[in-house]
Amino acid sequence: MRADVLVHAAEATDRRAQRFADEGFSELHRESLPFRFEITLYTKPTRGKVGYRRACLADVLIETVEDRVATLTLNRPDSLNALDTGLMRELLAAVRRVSEDDKIGAVVLTGAGKGFCAGGDVKAIGKASADRVAGTAPKVSTTESRVRWLRRSVEASRILHEMPKPTIAMINGACAGAGLSLAAACDFRFAGTGAKFRAAFTTGGMPGDYGGSWLWTHILGPSKARQLYLIDEKRSAEQALGFGLVDRVYDDAELVEQTMAVARILAALPGQGVAYAKANLNAALTEGFAASLDRESLNMMLARNALVEARKAAEAAKAAEASA
């Protein structure tokens, strides 16, 4: 077995996220890519028997957990949940947190109101551009600093894609730009009949971010990914299903119920099997067949070991309870 496969074959969790963030990124920026943001002013979560609710400062993102399913709700409905700097920061913190929480078995990403996510906050982007044109932008706002800031923020997509548990994008309305990229980062995409889709990058002079070009090329294939970005057509939910942007379409009134039913099924699965399966599938996007066989063989044995250890622990607990 090749050494690189032996070392990384079992990377079913997000514990080595910094290594992934560093790979392929230039030395110029590497020192400025801290793995963690400081999480600020979270309200104390209210916990019950099956879950809790956590709201970040100004409630721009709401996190709820029930039946081992974490739901992350982008909460800027007046702007169709467009990503401003605050929401970008809180989203990254939230996906990292649920990725590392062993009590969570599945994650649902959705938006409040009539939209999933309309992409970047065009008002904020327009103001920043106007300041640069007028020469009034802060002197610290250099191209290099903006690249570092964006690269930190888009880690949210990588974590959604690589976390050791299933992720579902529950698309309840407008899904465009970076919102479309975030949907692509999830394992599954379920849409309501009223959902609308558009890449919306090139028509505004932008190439795209949040990993969409890599994700959609792998999901759709090179030809359709080019159609998505360069022709940039608007698509209804049914058209998106036919094109391959989403996996399932439900009536708007049933979207939450149907999505959460699937999420609960996924969350109830043995975590180690899901984690190793997802690691295998993600690695298969870039490695050869022989390396995939190496990875599968190692991860199969590691998963079996985990099942044995779990059974031993259950038997020990049962024996201790009987003798008490």
C-alpha atoms as a PDB file:
ATOM      1  CA  MET A   1       0.000   0.000   0.000  1.00  0.00           C
ATOM      2  CA  ARG A   2       1.345   3.409  -0.928  1.00  0.00           C
ATOM      3  CA  ALA A   3       2.483   5.521   1.999  1.00  0.00           C
ATOM      4  CA  ASP A   4       0.267   8.502   1.149  1.00  0.00           C
ATOM      5  CA  VAL A   5      -2.817   6.306   1.047  1.00  0.00           C
ATOM      6  CA  LEU A   6      -1.837   4.607   4.289  1.00  0.00           C
ATOM      7  CA  VAL A   7      -1.498   7.960   6.018  1.00  0.00           C
ATOM      8  CA  HIS A   8      -4.679   9.581   4.733  1.00  0.00           C
ATOM      9  CA  ALA A   9      -6.980   6.672   3.813  1.00  0.00           C
ATOM     10  CA  ALA A  10      -8.856   6.839   7.082  1.00  0.00           C
ATOM     11  CA  GLU A  11      -9.380  10.611   7.154  1.00  0.00           C
ATOM     12  CA  ALA A  12     -13.080  10.325   7.748  1.00  0.00           C
ATOM     13  CA  THR A  13     -13.304  13.286  10.115  1.00  0.00           C
ATOM     14  CA  ASP A  14     -12.557  16.981   9.866  1.00  0.00           C
ATOM     15  CA  ARG A  15      -9.740  16.849  12.443  1.00  0.00           C
ATOM     16  CA  ARG A  16      -7.094  17.456   9.779  1.00  0.00           C
ATOM     17  CA  ALA A  17      -8.909  20.383   8.183  1.00  0.00           C
ATOM     18  CA  GLN A  18      -5.918  22.710   8.385  1.00  0.00           C
ATOM     19  CA  ARG A  19      -3.834  20.322   6.298  1.00  0.00           C
ATOM     20  CA  PHE A  20      -6.488  20.341   3.607  1.00  0.00           C
ATOM     21  CA  ALA A  21      -6.784  24.136   3.765  1.00  0.00           C
ATOM     22  CA  ASP A  22      -3.042  24.489   3.301  1.00  0.00           C
ATOM     23  CA  GLU A  23      -2.675  22.062   0.410  1.00  0.00           C
ATOM     24  CA  GLY A  24      -2.399  23.816  -2.908  1.00  0.00           C
ATOM     25  CA  PHE A  25      -2.443  27.298  -1.386  1.00  0.00           C
ATOM     26  CA  SER A  26       0.561  29.480  -1.915  1.00  0.00           C
ATOM     27  CA  GLU A  27       3.152  30.080   0.784  1.00  0.00           C
ATOM     28  CA  LEU A  28       2.425  33.790   0.385  1.00  0.00           C
ATOM     29  CA  HIS A  29      -1.010  33.371   1.971  1.00  0.00           C
ATOM     30  CA  ARG A  30      -0.552  30.283   4.114  1.00  0.00           C
ATOM     31  CA  GLU A  31       0.559  32.111   7.247  1.00  0.00           C
ATOM     32  CA  SER A  32      -2.553  34.259   7.102  1.00  0.00           C
ATOM     33  CA  LEU A  33      -5.086  31.420   7.025  1.00  0.00           C
ATOM     34  CA  PRO A  34      -5.908  30.765  10.670  1.00  0.00           C
ATOM     35  CA  PHE A  35      -7.974  27.599  11.104  1.00  0.00           C
ATOM     36  CA  ARG A  36     -10.413  29.090  13.588  1.00  0.00           C
ATOM     37  CA  PHE A  37     -12.345  32.301  13.789  1.00  0.00           C
ATOM     38  CA  GLU A  38     -13.137  33.733  17.175  1.00  0.00           C
ATOM     39  CA  ILE A  39     -16.797  32.964  17.834  1.00  0.00           C
ATOM     40  CA  THR A  40     -18.394  36.051  19.393  1.00  0.00           C
ATOM     41  CA  LEU A  41     -21.326  36.602  21.681  1.00  0.00           C
ATOM     42  CA  TYR A  42     -23.390  33.471  21.209  1.00  0.00           C
ATOM     43  CA  THR A  43     -26.463  33.302  23.379  1.00  0.00           C
ATOM     44  CA  LYS A  44     -26.592  30.434  25.830  1.00  0.00           C
ATOM     45  CA  PRO A  45     -28.374  27.568  24.045  1.00  0.00           C
ATOM     46  CA  THR A  46     -31.572  26.244  25.537  1.00  0.00           C
ATOM     47  CA  ARG A  47     -31.330  22.501  25.766  1.00  0.00           C
ATOM     48  CA  GLY A  48     -34.068  19.908  26.060  1.00  0.00           C
ATOM     49  CA  LYS A  49     -34.253  16.164  25.721  1.00  0.00           C
ATOM     50  CA  VAL A  50     -33.907  16.087  21.957  1.00  0.00           C
ATOM     51  CA  GLY A  51     -32.225  19.305  20.882  1.00  0.00           C
ATOM     52  CA  TYR A  52     -31.439  22.971  21.308  1.00  0.00           C
ATOM     53  CA  ARG A  53     -31.498  26.298  19.524  1.00  0.00           C
ATOM     54  CA  ARG A  54     -28.509  28.616  19.178  1.00  0.00           C
ATOM     55  CA  ALA A  55     -28.672  32.099  17.686  1.00  0.00           C
ATOM     56  CA  CYS A  56     -25.639  34.152  16.792  1.00  0.00           C
ATOM     57  CA  LEU A  57     -25.223  37.876  17.241  1.00  0.00           C
ATOM     58  CA  ALA A  58     -28.057  39.683  15.436  1.00  0.00           C
ATOM     59  CA  ASP A  59     -29.537  36.252  14.567  1.00  0.00           C
ATOM     60  CA  VAL A  60     -27.984  36.233  11.081  1.00  0.00           C
ATOM     61  CA  LEU A  61     -27.676  32.470  11.452  1.00  0.00           C
ATOM     62  CA  ILE A  62     -29.858  30.188  13.565  1.00  0.00           C
ATOM     63  CA  GLU A  63     -28.717  26.717  14.573  1.00  0.00           C
ATOM     64  CA  THR A  64     -31.139  24.110  15.907  1.00  0.00           C
ATOM     65  CA  VAL A  65     -30.472  20.490  16.817  1.00  0.00           C
ATOM     66  CA  GLU A  66     -33.160  17.849  17.149  1.00  0.00           C
ATOM     67  CA  ASP A  67     -32.970  14.064  16.824  1.00  0.00           C
ATOM     68  CA  ARG A  68     -29.234  14.343  16.012  1.00  0.00           C
ATOM     69  CA  VAL A  69     -30.013  16.597  13.022  1.00  0.00           C
ATOM     70  CA  ALA A  70     -28.482  20.097  13.012  1.00  0.00           C
ATOM     71  CA  THR A  71     -30.342  22.680  10.939  1.00  0.00           C
ATOM     72  CA  LEU A  72     -28.392  25.798   9.974  1.00  0.00           C
ATOM     73  CA  THR A  73     -30.703  28.566   8.797  1.00  0.00           C
ATOM     74  CA  LEU A  74     -29.279  31.586   6.998  1.00  0.00           C
ATOM     75  CA  ASN A  75     -31.361  34.374   8.479  1.00  0.00           C
ATOM     76  CA  ARG A  76     -31.237  37.538   6.403  1.00  0.00           C
ATOM     77  CA  PRO A  77     -34.631  37.103   4.707  1.00  0.00           C
ATOM     78  CA  ASP A  78     -34.943  40.749   3.647  1.00  0.00           C
ATOM     79  CA  SER A  79     -31.966  40.224   1.321  1.00  0.00           C
ATOM     80  CA  LEU A  80     -32.851  36.629   0.352  1.00  0.00           C
ATOM     81  CA  ASN A  81     -30.116  35.541   2.782  1.00  0.00           C
ATOM     82  CA  ALA A  82     -27.338  37.189   0.813  1.00  0.00           C
ATOM     83  CA  LEU A  83     -23.912  36.634   2.336  1.00  0.00           C
ATOM     84  CA  ASP A  84     -22.440  39.672   4.054  1.00  0.00           C
ATOM     85  CA  THR A  85     -19.271  39.552   6.145  1.00  0.00           C
ATOM     86  CA  GLY A  86     -21.168  38.762   9.346  1.00  0.00           C
ATOM     87  CA  LEU A  87     -23.112  35.862   7.885  1.00  0.00           C
ATOM     88  CA  MET A  88     -20.008  34.512   6.151  1.00  0.00           C
ATOM     89  CA  ARG A  89     -18.178  34.503   9.473  1.00  0.00           C
ATOM     90  CA  GLU A  90     -21.016  32.880  11.396  1.00  0.00           C
ATOM     91  CA  LEU A  91     -21.630  30.257   8.727  1.00  0.00           C
ATOM     92  CA  LEU A  92     -18.015  29.141   8.840  1.00  0.00           C
ATOM     93  CA  ALA A  93     -18.092  28.936  12.639  1.00  0.00           C
ATOM     94  CA  ALA A  94     -21.356  26.971  12.577  1.00  0.00           C
ATOM     95  CA  VAL A  95     -20.349  24.368   9.978  1.00  0.00           C
ATOM     96  CA  ARG A  96     -17.059  23.802  11.785  1.00  0.00           C
ATOM     97  CA  ARG A  97     -18.881  23.368  15.093  1.00  0.00           C
ATOM     98  CA  VAL A  98     -21.466  20.853  13.840  1.00  0.00           C
ATOM     99  CA  SER A  99     -18.793  18.982  11.895  1.00  0.00           C
ATOM    100  CA  GLU A 100     -16.854  18.334  15.091  1.00  0.00           C
ATOM    101  CA  ASP A 101     -19.859  17.552  17.328  1.00  0.00           C
ATOM    102  CA  ASP A 102     -20.194  13.779  17.681  1.00  0.00           C
ATOM    103  CA  LYS A 103     -23.758  14.186  18.965  1.00  0.00           C
ATOM    104  CA  ILE A 104     -24.812  15.403  15.507  1.00  0.00           C
ATOM    105  CA  GLY A 105     -25.362  12.811  12.795  1.00  0.00           C
ATOM    106  CA  ALA A 106     -26.601  14.924   9.868  1.00  0.00           C
ATOM    107  CA  VAL A 107     -26.706  18.596   8.851  1.00  0.00           C
ATOM    108  CA  VAL A 108     -29.360  20.537   6.939  1.00  0.00           C
ATOM    109  CA  LEU A 109     -28.531  23.938   5.422  1.00  0.00           C
ATOM    110  CA  THR A 110     -31.439  26.200   4.502  1.00  0.00           C
ATOM    111  CA  GLY A 111     -32.573  29.813   4.352  1.00  0.00           C
ATOM    112  CA  ALA A 112     -35.226  31.854   6.136  1.00  0.00           C
ATOM    113  CA  GLY A 113     -38.129  33.408   4.285  1.00  0.00           C
ATOM    114  CA  LYS A 114     -38.479  33.184   0.526  1.00  0.00           C
ATOM    115  CA  GLY A 115     -34.885  32.391  -0.368  1.00  0.00           C
ATOM    116  CA  PHE A 116     -32.176  29.812   0.212  1.00  0.00           C
ATOM    117  CA  CYS A 117     -29.281  32.168  -0.539  1.00  0.00           C
ATOM    118  CA  ALA A 118     -29.080  34.746  -3.311  1.00  0.00           C
ATOM    119  CA  GLY A 119     -25.266  34.813  -3.241  1.00  0.00           C
ATOM    120  CA  GLY A 120     -23.085  37.676  -2.110  1.00  0.00           C
ATOM    121  CA  ASP A 121     -24.502  40.889  -0.699  1.00  0.00           C
ATOM    122  CA  VAL A 122     -24.439  43.022  -3.847  1.00  0.00           C
ATOM    123  CA  LYS A 123     -24.980  46.260  -1.917  1.00  0.00           C
ATOM    124  CA  ALA A 124     -21.934  45.656   0.251  1.00  0.00           C
ATOM    125  CA  ILE A 125     -19.885  44.511  -2.741  1.00  0.00           C
ATOM    126  CA  GLY A 126     -20.959  47.584  -4.732  1.00  0.00           C
ATOM    127  CA  LYS A 127     -20.025  49.939  -1.914  1.00  0.00           C
ATOM    128  CA  ALA A 128     -16.601  48.326  -1.507  1.00  0.00           C
ATOM    129  CA  SER A 129     -15.995  48.661  -5.250  1.00  0.00           C
ATOM    130  CA  ALA A 130     -17.133  52.296  -5.249  1.00  0.00           C
ATOM    131  CA  ASP A 131     -14.763  53.068  -2.383  1.00  0.00           C
ATOM    132  CA  ARG A 132     -11.870  51.586  -4.341  1.00  0.00           C
ATOM    133  CA  VAL A 133     -12.783  53.594  -7.430  1.00  0.00           C
ATOM    134  CA  ALA A 134     -13.016  56.777  -5.361  1.00  0.00           C
ATOM    135  CA  GLY A 135      -9.793  55.986  -3.536  1.00  0.00           C
ATOM    136  CA  THR A 136     -11.533  55.997  -0.157  1.00  0.00           C
ATOM    137  CA  ALA A 137     -11.047  52.312   0.637  1.00  0.00           C
ATOM    138  CA  PRO A 138      -9.016  51.567   3.781  1.00  0.00           C
ATOM    139  CA  LYS A 139      -5.307  51.330   3.065  1.00  0.00           C
ATOM    140  CA  VAL A 140      -5.251  47.851   4.600  1.00  0.00           C
ATOM    141  CA  SER A 141      -7.680  46.683   1.897  1.00  0.00           C
ATOM    142  CA  THR A 142      -5.188  45.275  -0.566  1.00  0.00           C
ATOM    143  CA  THR A 143      -5.782  42.538  -3.119  1.00  0.00           C
ATOM    144  CA  GLU A 144      -3.731  40.185  -0.980  1.00  0.00           C
ATOM    145  CA  SER A 145      -5.713  40.925   2.184  1.00  0.00           C
ATOM    146  CA  ARG A 146      -9.017  40.470   0.352  1.00  0.00           C
ATOM    147  CA  VAL A 147      -7.840  37.134  -1.053  1.00  0.00           C
ATOM    148  CA  ARG A 148      -6.903  35.973   2.447  1.00  0.00           C
ATOM    149  CA  TRP A 149     -10.276  37.050   3.836  1.00  0.00           C
ATOM    150  CA  LEU A 150     -12.255  35.320   1.087  1.00  0.00           C
ATOM    151  CA  ARG A 151     -10.169  32.146   1.286  1.00  0.00           C
ATOM    152  CA  ARG A 152     -10.878  31.912   5.007  1.00  0.00           C
ATOM    153  CA  SER A 153     -14.594  32.419   4.444  1.00  0.00           C
ATOM    154  CA  VAL A 154     -15.018  29.840   1.688  1.00  0.00           C
ATOM    155  CA  GLU A 155     -13.713  27.124   4.015  1.00  0.00           C
ATOM    156  CA  ALA A 156     -17.425  26.703   4.818  1.00  0.00           C
ATOM    157  CA  SER A 157     -17.887  24.920   1.489  1.00  0.00           C
ATOM    158  CA  ARG A 158     -14.956  22.605   2.046  1.00  0.00           C
ATOM    159  CA  ILE A 159     -16.175  21.645   5.506  1.00  0.00           C
ATOM    160  CA  LEU A 160     -19.701  20.969   4.224  1.00  0.00           C
ATOM    161  CA  HIS A 161     -18.238  18.788   1.495  1.00  0.00           C
ATOM    162  CA  GLU A 162     -15.721  16.897   3.646  1.00  0.00           C
ATOM    163  CA  MET A 163     -17.322  16.685   7.106  1.00  0.00           C
ATOM    164  CA  PRO A 164     -17.789  13.089   8.301  1.00  0.00           C
ATOM    165  CA  LYS A 165     -21.586  13.224   8.236  1.00  0.00           C
ATOM    166  CA  PRO A 166     -24.249  13.726   5.545  1.00  0.00           C
ATOM    167  CA  THR A 167     -25.239  17.263   4.575  1.00  0.00           C
ATOM    168  CA  ILE A 168     -28.444  18.348   2.835  1.00  0.00           C
ATOM    169  CA  ALA A 169     -29.193  21.666   1.163  1.00  0.00           C
ATOM    170  CA  MET A 170     -32.919  22.326   1.685  1.00  0.00           C
ATOM    171  CA  ILE A 171     -33.579  24.875  -1.057  1.00  0.00           C
ATOM    172  CA  ASN A 172     -36.724  26.851  -0.379  1.00  0.00           C
ATOM    173  CA  GLY A 173     -36.495  29.717  -2.874  1.00  0.00           C
ATOM    174  CA  ALA A 174     -33.870  31.758  -4.695  1.00  0.00           C
ATOM    175  CA  CYS A 175     -30.556  29.924  -5.008  1.00  0.00           C
ATOM    176  CA  ALA A 176     -27.871  31.835  -6.877  1.00  0.00           C
ATOM    177  CA  GLY A 177     -24.198  32.760  -6.883  1.00  0.00           C
ATOM    178  CA  ALA A 178     -22.392  31.642  -3.751  1.00  0.00           C
ATOM    179  CA  GLY A 179     -25.688  30.157  -2.562  1.00  0.00           C
ATOM    180  CA  LEU A 180     -25.600  27.771  -5.512  1.00  0.00           C
ATOM    181  CA  SER A 181     -22.007  26.884  -4.608  1.00  0.00           C
ATOM    182  CA  LEU A 182     -22.984  26.174  -0.988  1.00  0.00           C
ATOM    183  CA  ALA A 183     -25.760  23.905  -2.231  1.00  0.00           C
ATOM    184  CA  ALA A 184     -23.229  22.055  -4.373  1.00  0.00           C
ATOM    185  CA  ALA A 185     -20.998  21.547  -1.339  1.00  0.00           C
ATOM    186  CA  CYS A 186     -23.735  19.515   0.356  1.00  0.00           C
ATOM    187  CA  ASP A 187     -24.137  15.798  -0.256  1.00  0.00           C
ATOM    188  CA  PHE A 188     -27.782  16.157  -1.251  1.00  0.00           C
ATOM    189  CA  ARG A 189     -29.891  18.982  -2.670  1.00  0.00           C
ATOM    190  CA  PHE A 190     -33.662  18.923  -2.088  1.00  0.00           C
ATOM    191  CA  ALA A 191     -35.740  21.759  -3.528  1.00  0.00           C
ATOM    192  CA  GLY A 192     -39.255  23.062  -3.181  1.00  0.00           C
ATOM    193  CA  THR A 193     -41.303  23.555  -6.346  1.00  0.00           C
ATOM    194  CA  GLY A 194     -40.935  27.328  -6.007  1.00  0.00           C
ATOM    195  CA  ALA A 195     -37.140  27.297  -5.942  1.00  0.00           C
ATOM    196  CA  LYS A 196     -35.250  29.230  -8.628  1.00  0.00           C
ATOM    197  CA  PHE A 197     -31.659  28.670  -9.698  1.00  0.00           C
ATOM    198  CA  ARG A 198     -28.977  30.696 -11.438  1.00  0.00           C
ATOM    199  CA  ALA A 199     -25.194  30.891 -11.275  1.00  0.00           C
ATOM    200  CA  ALA A 200     -25.338  34.695 -11.642  1.00  0.00           C
ATOM    201  CA  PHE A 201     -21.579  35.198 -11.681  1.00  0.00           C
ATOM    202  CA  THR A 202     -20.379  35.917 -15.211  1.00  0.00           C
ATOM    203  CA  THR A 203     -23.270  38.248 -16.074  1.00  0.00           C
ATOM    204  CA  GLY A 204     -21.974  40.506 -13.302  1.00  0.00           C
ATOM    205  CA  GLY A 205     -18.357  40.209 -14.392  1.00  0.00           C
ATOM    206  CA  MET A 206     -17.426  37.688 -11.694  1.00  0.00           C
ATOM    207  CA  PRO A 207     -15.954  34.164 -12.146  1.00  0.00           C
ATOM    208  CA  GLY A 208     -17.463  32.531  -9.029  1.00  0.00           C
ATOM    209  CA  ASP A 209     -16.429  31.471  -5.537  1.00  0.00           C
ATOM    210  CA  TYR A 210     -17.227  29.114  -2.657  1.00  0.00           C
ATOM    211  CA  GLY A 211     -15.896  26.186  -4.678  1.00  0.00           C
ATOM    212  CA  GLY A 212     -18.670  26.112  -7.247  1.00  0.00           C
ATOM    213  CA  SER A 213     -16.455  25.651 -10.305  1.00  0.00           C
ATOM    214  CA  TRP A 214     -14.817  22.526  -8.816  1.00  0.00           C
ATOM    215  CA  LEU A 215     -17.992  21.147  -7.265  1.00  0.00           C
ATOM    216  CA  TRP A 216     -20.291  21.591 -10.249  1.00  0.00           C
ATOM    217  CA  THR A 217     -17.683  20.260 -12.676  1.00  0.00           C
ATOM    218  CA  HIS A 218     -17.583  17.050 -10.629  1.00  0.00           C
ATOM    219  CA  ILE A 219     -21.354  16.890 -10.129  1.00  0.00           C
ATOM    220  CA  LEU A 220     -22.493  17.791 -13.652  1.00  0.00           C
ATOM    221  CA  GLY A 221     -19.432  17.122 -15.808  1.00  0.00           C
ATOM    222  CA  PRO A 222     -17.364  19.744 -17.663  1.00  0.00           C
ATOM    223  CA  SER A 223     -19.884  20.503 -20.412  1.00  0.00           C
ATOM    224  CA  LYS A 224     -22.872  21.198 -18.179  1.00  0.00           C
ATOM    225  CA  ALA A 225     -20.741  23.117 -15.683  1.00  0.00           C
ATOM    226  CA  ARG A 226     -19.729  25.448 -18.502  1.00  0.00           C
ATOM    227  CA  GLN A 227     -23.343  25.881 -19.510  1.00  0.00           C
ATOM    228  CA  LEU A 228     -24.230  26.669 -15.907  1.00  0.00           C
ATOM    229  CA  TYR A 229     -21.582  29.359 -15.510  1.00  0.00           C
ATOM    230  CA  LEU A 230     -21.175  30.837 -18.981  1.00  0.00           C
ATOM    231  CA  ILE A 231     -24.678  30.737 -20.459  1.00  0.00           C
ATOM    232  CA  ASP A 232     -26.081  31.465 -16.988  1.00  0.00           C
ATOM    233  CA  GLU A 233     -29.724  30.603 -17.591  1.00  0.00           C
ATOM    234  CA  LYS A 234     -32.413  30.838 -14.934  1.00  0.00           C
ATOM    235  CA  ARG A 235     -33.932  27.479 -14.025  1.00  0.00           C
ATOM    236  CA  SER A 236     -37.065  26.421 -12.180  1.00  0.00           C
ATOM    237  CA  ALA A 237     -36.965  23.568  -9.683  1.00  0.00           C
ATOM    238  CA  GLU A 238     -38.139  21.067 -12.295  1.00  0.00           C
ATOM    239  CA  GLN A 239     -35.599  22.336 -14.818  1.00  0.00           C
ATOM    240  CA  ALA A 240     -32.891  22.145 -12.165  1.00  0.00           C
ATOM    241  CA  LEU A 241     -33.860  18.533 -11.474  1.00  0.00           C
ATOM    242  CA  GLY A 242     -33.589  17.662 -15.159  1.00  0.00           C
ATOM    243  CA  PHE A 243     -30.253  19.456 -15.488  1.00  0.00           C
ATOM    244  CA  GLY A 244     -28.816  17.727 -12.411  1.00  0.00           C
ATOM    245  CA  LEU A 245     -28.618  20.661  -9.996  1.00  0.00           C
ATOM    246  CA  VAL A 246     -30.898  19.002  -7.433  1.00  0.00           C
ATOM    247  CA  ASP A 247     -31.671  15.434  -6.407  1.00  0.00           C
ATOM    248  CA  ARG A 248     -35.325  15.725  -5.425  1.00  0.00           C
ATOM    249  CA  VAL A 249     -38.171  18.235  -5.754  1.00  0.00           C
ATOM    250  CA  TYR A 250     -41.035  18.396  -3.266  1.00  0.00           C
ATOM    251  CA  ASP A 251     -44.120  20.572  -3.027  1.00  0.00           C
ATOM    252  CA  ASP A 252     -43.183  23.714  -1.126  1.00  0.00           C
ATOM    253  CA  ALA A 253     -45.553  22.782   1.700  1.00  0.00           C
ATOM    254  CA  GLU A 254     -43.866  19.377   2.109  1.00  0.00           C
ATOM    255  CA  LEU A 255     -40.227  20.382   1.656  1.00  0.00           C
ATOM    256  CA  VAL A 256     -39.345  20.669   5.346  1.00  0.00           C
ATOM    257  CA  GLU A 257     -41.187  17.500   6.376  1.00  0.00           C
ATOM    258  CA  GLN A 258     -39.705  15.392   3.579  1.00  0.00           C
ATOM    259  CA  THR A 259     -36.188  16.748   3.998  1.00  0.00           C
ATOM    260  CA  MET A 260     -36.158  16.255   7.749  1.00  0.00           C
ATOM    261  CA  ALA A 261     -37.473  12.711   7.371  1.00  0.00           C
ATOM    262  CA  VAL A 262     -34.453  11.848   5.215  1.00  0.00           C
ATOM    263  CA  ALA A 263     -32.115  13.719   7.552  1.00  0.00           C
ATOM    264  CA  ARG A 264     -33.354  11.739  10.557  1.00  0.00           C
ATOM    265  CA  ILE A 265     -32.764   8.466   8.704  1.00  0.00           C
ATOM    266  CA  LEU A 266     -29.213   9.546   7.861  1.00  0.00           C
ATOM    267  CA  ALA A 267     -28.529  10.776  11.401  1.00  0.00           C
ATOM    268  CA  ALA A 268     -29.587   7.411  12.836  1.00  0.00           C
ATOM    269  CA  LEU A 269     -27.016   5.461  10.807  1.00  0.00           C
ATOM    270  CA  PRO A 270     -23.839   4.223  12.546  1.00  0.00           C
ATOM    271  CA  GLY A 271     -21.550   7.221  12.350  1.00  0.00           C
ATOM    272  CA  GLN A 272     -18.313   5.414  11.566  1.00  0.00           C
ATOM    273  CA  GLY A 273     -19.789   3.708   8.494  1.00  0.00           C
ATOM    274  CA  VAL A 274     -21.088   7.000   7.123  1.00  0.00           C
ATOM    275  CA  ALA A 275     -17.838   8.811   7.878  1.00  0.00           C
ATOM    276  CA  TYR A 276     -15.633   6.247   6.159  1.00  0.00           C
ATOM    277  CA  ALA A 277     -18.010   5.900   3.200  1.00  0.00           C
ATOM    278  CA  LYS A 278     -18.007   9.647   2.678  1.00  0.00           C
ATOM    279  CA  ALA A 279     -14.204   9.727   2.946  1.00  0.00           C
ATOM    280  CA  ASN A 280     -14.010   7.016   0.274  1.00  0.00           C
ATOM    281  CA  LEU A 281     -16.413   8.823  -2.043  1.00  0.00           C
ATOM    282  CA  ASN A 282     -14.687  12.172  -1.686  1.00  0.00           C
ATOM    283  CA  ALA A 283     -11.260  10.673  -2.309  1.00  0.00           C
ATOM    284  CA  ALA A 284     -12.569   8.890  -5.396  1.00  0.00           C
ATOM    285  CA  LEU A 285     -13.058  12.292  -7.044  1.00  0.00           C
ATOM    286  CA  THR A 286      -9.310  12.753  -7.399  1.00  0.00           C
ATOM    287  CA  GLU A 287      -7.476   9.458  -6.926  1.00  0.00           C
ATOM    288  CA  GLY A 288      -7.017   6.382  -9.116  1.00  0.00           C
ATOM    289  CA  PHE A 289      -8.707   2.997  -8.849  1.00  0.00           C
ATOM    290  CA  ALA A 290      -5.819   1.227  -7.122  1.00  0.00           C
ATOM    291  CA  ALA A 291      -5.591   3.959  -4.489  1.00  0.00           C
ATOM    292  CA  SER A 292      -9.350   3.758  -3.997  1.00  0.00           C
ATOM    293  CA  LEU A 293      -9.087   0.004  -3.377  1.00  0.00           C
ATOM    294  CA  ASP A 294      -6.350   0.670  -0.814  1.00  0.00           C
ATOM    295  CA  ARG A 295      -8.491   3.259   0.914  1.00  0.00           C
ATOM    296  CA  GLU A 296     -11.620   1.114   0.927  1.00  0.00           C
ATOM    297  CA  SER A 297      -9.754  -1.881   2.350  1.00  0.00           C
ATOM    298  CA  LEU A 298      -8.227   0.126   5.187  1.00  0.00           C
ATOM    299  CA  ASN A 299     -11.407   2.000   6.008  1.00  0.00           C
ATOM    300  CA  MET A 300     -13.473  -1.194   5.950  1.00  0.00           C
ATOM    301  CA  MET A 301     -11.234  -2.732   8.608  1.00  0.00           C
ATOM    302  CA  LEU A 302     -11.178   0.459  10.669  1.00  0.00           C
ATOM    303  CA  ALA A 303     -14.979   0.622  10.558  1.00  0.00           C
ATOM    304  CA  ARG A 304     -15.195  -2.987  11.704  1.00  0.00           C
ATOM    305  CA  ASN A 305     -12.820  -2.196  14.555  1.00  0.00           C
ATOM    306  CA  ALA A 306     -15.039   0.719  15.567  1.00  0.00           C
ATOM    307  CA  LEU A 307     -18.126  -1.514  15.591  1.00  0.00           C
ATOM    308  CA  VAL A 308     -16.356  -4.079  17.762  1.00  0.00           C
ATOM    309  CA  GLU A 309     -15.249  -1.404  20.221  1.00  0.00           C
ATOM    310  CA  ALA A 310     -18.771   0.021  20.371  1.00  0.00           C
ATOM    311  CA  ARG A 311     -20.164  -3.428  21.084  1.00  0.00           C
ATOM    312  CA  LYS A 312     -17.575  -4.017  23.815  1.00  0.00           C
ATOM    313  CA  ALA A 313     -18.495  -0.717  25.447  1.00  0.00           C
ATOM    314  CA  ALA A 314     -22.205  -1.566  25.313  1.00  0.00           C
ATOM    315  CA  GLU A 315     -21.598  -4.991  26.862  1.00  0.00           C
ATOM    316  CA  ALA A 316     -19.455  -3.467  29.600  1.00  0.00           C
ATOM    317  CA  ALA A 317     -22.133  -0.885  30.392  1.00  0.00           C
ATOM    318  CA  LYS A 318     -24.786  -3.592  30.475  1.00  0.00           C
ATOM    319  CA  ALA A 319     -22.686  -5.718  32.843  1.00  0.00           C
ATOM    320  CA  ALA A 320     -22.007  -2.765  35.126  1.00  0.00           C
ATOM    321  CA  GLU A 321     -25.705  -1.946  35.273  1.00  0.00           C
ATOM    322  CA  ALA A 322     -26.568  -5.566  36.105  1.00  0.00           C
ATOM    323  CA  SER A 323     -24.069  -5.697  38.953  1.00  0.00           C
ATOM    324  CA  ALA A 324     -25.095  -2.362  40.462  1.00  0.00           C
END
